[in-house]
Amino acid sequence: MSSINSVNLIGRLTQDPAVTPSTDSTRCKMRVAVQRRRGKDGEDKGANYFDVVAFGGQAVNCGKYLRKGRQIALTGHLNHSEWTAEDGSSRQRVEIIADNVMFLDAPKREDDEEQETAVAAGVGAEDDTAF
């Protein structure tokens, strides 16, 4: 019987992607937070956090266009690795190898932030505006 190793997630980046160029393939590491379902009482149950790695051209694009807080959808598969640390202890990690990363929201532009700040400060507001 064959096995299935498939992951589909929608979440937000918890930090800026870290791109590592190399001779064989560029690598981009990301950490994604996926909101847990709310409890029956509507209580926020927090988030699950996943380490994601993209390779090649997709890694380059993720590093170029994504930043902390951006929402992404990804498909990929799980990869398990084991190693021995310098102190002799055995370590292991499970990470998601991204096959496809989609950018779900537009990047926040600097002029958007300036406009939001101006509106919040009341800049450009008319004194004779009726409410």
C-alpha atoms as a PDB file:
ATOM      1  CA  MET A   1       0.000   0.000   0.000  1.00  0.00           C
ATOM      2  CA  SER A   2       1.335   3.428  -0.858  1.00  0.00           C
ATOM      3  CA  SER A   3       1.423   6.243   1.673  1.00  0.00           C
ATOM      4  CA  ILE A   4       0.343   9.869   1.452  1.00  0.00           C
ATOM      5  CA  ASN A   5       2.596  12.693   2.592  1.00  0.00           C
ATOM      6  CA  SER A   6       0.765  15.906   1.760  1.00  0.00           C
ATOM      7  CA  VAL A   7       0.372  19.215   3.599  1.00  0.00           C
ATOM      8  CA  ASN A   8      -1.964  22.140   2.804  1.00  0.00           C
ATOM      9  CA  LEU A   9      -1.831  25.232   5.035  1.00  0.00           C
ATOM     10  CA  ILE A  10      -3.010  28.818   5.158  1.00  0.00           C
ATOM     11  CA  GLY A  11      -1.262  30.999   7.707  1.00  0.00           C
ATOM     12  CA  ARG A  12       0.845  34.066   8.417  1.00  0.00           C
ATOM     13  CA  LEU A  13       4.620  34.427   8.537  1.00  0.00           C
ATOM     14  CA  THR A  14       5.915  34.951  12.076  1.00  0.00           C
ATOM     15  CA  GLN A  15       9.171  36.512  10.852  1.00  0.00           C
ATOM     16  CA  ASP A  16      10.854  37.636   7.654  1.00  0.00           C
ATOM     17  CA  PRO A  17      11.957  34.705   5.445  1.00  0.00           C
ATOM     18  CA  ALA A  18      15.644  33.721   5.654  1.00  0.00           C
ATOM     19  CA  VAL A  19      17.163  33.068   2.222  1.00  0.00           C
ATOM     20  CA  THR A  20      20.381  31.085   1.880  1.00  0.00           C
ATOM     21  CA  PRO A  21      21.866  31.015  -1.629  1.00  0.00           C
ATOM     22  CA  SER A  22      24.034  28.027  -2.518  1.00  0.00           C
ATOM     23  CA  THR A  23      25.659  26.534  -5.582  1.00  0.00           C
ATOM     24  CA  ASP A  24      23.041  23.810  -6.095  1.00  0.00           C
ATOM     25  CA  SER A  25      19.778  25.528  -5.019  1.00  0.00           C
ATOM     26  CA  THR A  26      18.638  28.606  -3.120  1.00  0.00           C
ATOM     27  CA  ARG A  27      16.895  27.780   0.164  1.00  0.00           C
ATOM     28  CA  CYS A  28      14.308  29.907   2.004  1.00  0.00           C
ATOM     29  CA  LYS A  29      13.303  29.134   5.594  1.00  0.00           C
ATOM     30  CA  MET A  30       9.996  30.466   6.909  1.00  0.00           C
ATOM     31  CA  ARG A  31       7.912  30.009  10.046  1.00  0.00           C
ATOM     32  CA  VAL A  32       4.136  29.965   9.582  1.00  0.00           C
ATOM     33  CA  ALA A  33       1.454  30.410  12.243  1.00  0.00           C
ATOM     34  CA  VAL A  34      -1.871  28.693  11.555  1.00  0.00           C
ATOM     35  CA  GLN A  35      -4.822  29.753  13.687  1.00  0.00           C
ATOM     36  CA  ARG A  36      -6.430  26.927  15.684  1.00  0.00           C
ATOM     37  CA  ARG A  37     -10.191  26.474  15.609  1.00  0.00           C
ATOM     38  CA  ARG A  38     -12.059  28.404  18.246  1.00  0.00           C
ATOM     39  CA  GLY A  39     -13.572  26.563  21.184  1.00  0.00           C
ATOM     40  CA  LYS A  40     -17.315  25.957  21.518  1.00  0.00           C
ATOM     41  CA  ASP A  41     -17.523  29.069  23.680  1.00  0.00           C
ATOM     42  CA  GLY A  42     -15.749  31.149  21.001  1.00  0.00           C
ATOM     43  CA  GLU A  43     -12.501  31.218  22.979  1.00  0.00           C
ATOM     44  CA  ASP A  44      -9.326  31.782  20.955  1.00  0.00           C
ATOM     45  CA  LYS A  45      -7.221  28.590  21.149  1.00  0.00           C
ATOM     46  CA  GLY A  46      -4.014  30.180  19.820  1.00  0.00           C
ATOM     47  CA  ALA A  47      -2.008  28.978  16.830  1.00  0.00           C
ATOM     48  CA  ASN A  48       0.154  26.107  15.624  1.00  0.00           C
ATOM     49  CA  TYR A  49       3.612  26.981  14.293  1.00  0.00           C
ATOM     50  CA  PHE A  50       5.337  25.221  11.400  1.00  0.00           C
ATOM     51  CA  ASP A  51       8.828  25.443   9.914  1.00  0.00           C
ATOM     52  CA  VAL A  52       8.668  25.620   6.114  1.00  0.00           C
ATOM     53  CA  VAL A  53      11.461  25.407   3.534  1.00  0.00           C
ATOM     54  CA  ALA A  54      11.204  26.398  -0.135  1.00  0.00           C
ATOM     55  CA  PHE A  55      13.880  25.810  -2.782  1.00  0.00           C
ATOM     56  CA  GLY A  56      14.998  27.267  -6.109  1.00  0.00           C
ATOM     57  CA  GLY A  57      13.115  30.087  -7.829  1.00  0.00           C
ATOM     58  CA  GLN A  58      10.266  29.813  -5.377  1.00  0.00           C
ATOM     59  CA  ALA A  59      12.722  30.425  -2.514  1.00  0.00           C
ATOM     60  CA  VAL A  60      14.047  33.514  -4.272  1.00  0.00           C
ATOM     61  CA  ASN A  61      10.508  34.899  -4.767  1.00  0.00           C
ATOM     62  CA  CYS A  62       9.519  34.189  -1.155  1.00  0.00           C
ATOM     63  CA  GLY A  63      12.609  36.016   0.084  1.00  0.00           C
ATOM     64  CA  LYS A  64      12.000  38.934  -2.267  1.00  0.00           C
ATOM     65  CA  TYR A  65       8.268  39.513  -1.749  1.00  0.00           C
ATOM     66  CA  LEU A  66       7.296  38.097   1.658  1.00  0.00           C
ATOM     67  CA  ARG A  67       7.673  39.749   5.060  1.00  0.00           C
ATOM     68  CA  LYS A  68       6.532  39.077   8.599  1.00  0.00           C
ATOM     69  CA  GLY A  69       2.732  39.102   8.891  1.00  0.00           C
ATOM     70  CA  ARG A  70       1.998  38.265   5.231  1.00  0.00           C
ATOM     71  CA  GLN A  71      -0.617  35.578   4.671  1.00  0.00           C
ATOM     72  CA  ILE A  72       0.331  32.610   2.494  1.00  0.00           C
ATOM     73  CA  ALA A  73      -1.168  29.326   1.340  1.00  0.00           C
ATOM     74  CA  LEU A  74       1.167  26.443   0.713  1.00  0.00           C
ATOM     75  CA  THR A  75       1.158  22.868  -0.446  1.00  0.00           C
ATOM     76  CA  GLY A  76       4.032  20.568   0.305  1.00  0.00           C
ATOM     77  CA  HIS A  77       5.162  17.470   2.162  1.00  0.00           C
ATOM     78  CA  LEU A  78       6.686  16.619   5.539  1.00  0.00           C
ATOM     79  CA  ASN A  79      10.400  15.887   5.889  1.00  0.00           C
ATOM     80  CA  HIS A  80      11.919  14.296   8.999  1.00  0.00           C
ATOM     81  CA  SER A  81      15.636  14.646   9.749  1.00  0.00           C
ATOM     82  CA  GLU A  82      17.842  13.381  12.586  1.00  0.00           C
ATOM     83  CA  TRP A  83      21.347  14.401  13.659  1.00  0.00           C
ATOM     84  CA  THR A  84      23.736  14.357  16.594  1.00  0.00           C
ATOM     85  CA  ALA A  85      24.372  17.713  18.240  1.00  0.00           C
ATOM     86  CA  GLU A  86      27.815  18.905  19.329  1.00  0.00           C
ATOM     87  CA  ASP A  87      27.047  17.861  22.915  1.00  0.00           C
ATOM     88  CA  GLY A  88      26.359  14.290  21.708  1.00  0.00           C
ATOM     89  CA  SER A  89      22.587  14.453  22.147  1.00  0.00           C
ATOM     90  CA  SER A  90      20.302  13.092  19.468  1.00  0.00           C
ATOM     91  CA  ARG A  91      18.136  15.715  17.728  1.00  0.00           C
ATOM     92  CA  GLN A  92      15.304  15.533  15.255  1.00  0.00           C
ATOM     93  CA  ARG A  93      13.096  17.912  13.298  1.00  0.00           C
ATOM     94  CA  VAL A  94      10.003  17.734  11.129  1.00  0.00           C
ATOM     95  CA  GLU A  95       9.616  20.515   8.587  1.00  0.00           C
ATOM     96  CA  ILE A  96       7.404  21.183   5.608  1.00  0.00           C
ATOM     97  CA  ILE A  97       9.056  21.210   2.196  1.00  0.00           C
ATOM     98  CA  ALA A  98       6.989  23.639   0.133  1.00  0.00           C
ATOM     99  CA  ASP A  99       6.050  22.538  -3.363  1.00  0.00           C
ATOM    100  CA  ASN A 100       3.921  25.631  -4.003  1.00  0.00           C
ATOM    101  CA  VAL A 101       3.613  28.921  -2.077  1.00  0.00           C
ATOM    102  CA  MET A 102       0.842  31.397  -2.902  1.00  0.00           C
ATOM    103  CA  PHE A 103       0.858  34.984  -1.632  1.00  0.00           C
ATOM    104  CA  LEU A 104      -2.670  35.682  -0.384  1.00  0.00           C
ATOM    105  CA  ASP A 105      -2.517  39.345   0.584  1.00  0.00           C
ATOM    106  CA  ALA A 106      -0.866  42.368  -0.932  1.00  0.00           C
ATOM    107  CA  PRO A 107       2.259  43.749   0.721  1.00  0.00           C
ATOM    108  CA  LYS A 108       1.731  46.771   2.915  1.00  0.00           C
ATOM    109  CA  ARG A 109       3.103  49.853   1.168  1.00  0.00           C
ATOM    110  CA  GLU A 110       4.901  52.649   2.969  1.00  0.00           C
ATOM    111  CA  ASP A 111       2.478  55.287   1.651  1.00  0.00           C
ATOM    112  CA  ASP A 112      -0.435  53.237   3.091  1.00  0.00           C
ATOM    113  CA  GLU A 113       1.182  53.430   6.531  1.00  0.00           C
ATOM    114  CA  GLU A 114       1.713  57.185   6.165  1.00  0.00           C
ATOM    115  CA  GLN A 115      -1.926  57.667   5.125  1.00  0.00           C
ATOM    116  CA  GLU A 116      -3.197  55.579   8.079  1.00  0.00           C
ATOM    117  CA  THR A 117      -1.053  57.636  10.451  1.00  0.00           C
ATOM    118  CA  ALA A 118      -2.330  60.900   8.959  1.00  0.00           C
ATOM    119  CA  VAL A 119      -5.971  59.819   9.247  1.00  0.00           C
ATOM    120  CA  ALA A 120      -5.461  58.661  12.831  1.00  0.00           C
ATOM    121  CA  ALA A 121      -3.892  62.041  13.668  1.00  0.00           C
ATOM    122  CA  GLY A 122      -6.769  63.925  11.996  1.00  0.00           C
ATOM    123  CA  VAL A 123      -4.588  65.411   9.269  1.00  0.00           C
ATOM    124  CA  GLY A 124      -6.691  66.633   6.380  1.00  0.00           C
ATOM    125  CA  ALA A 125      -9.918  66.603   8.358  1.00  0.00           C
ATOM    126  CA  GLU A 126     -12.348  69.437   7.642  1.00  0.00           C
ATOM    127  CA  ASP A 127     -13.461  71.573  10.595  1.00  0.00           C
ATOM    128  CA  ASP A 128     -16.947  72.062   9.161  1.00  0.00           C
ATOM    129  CA  THR A 129     -17.684  68.369   8.645  1.00  0.00           C
ATOM    130  CA  ALA A 130     -21.150  67.464   9.933  1.00  0.00           C
ATOM    131  CA  PHE A 131     -21.528  64.265  11.892  1.00  0.00           C
END
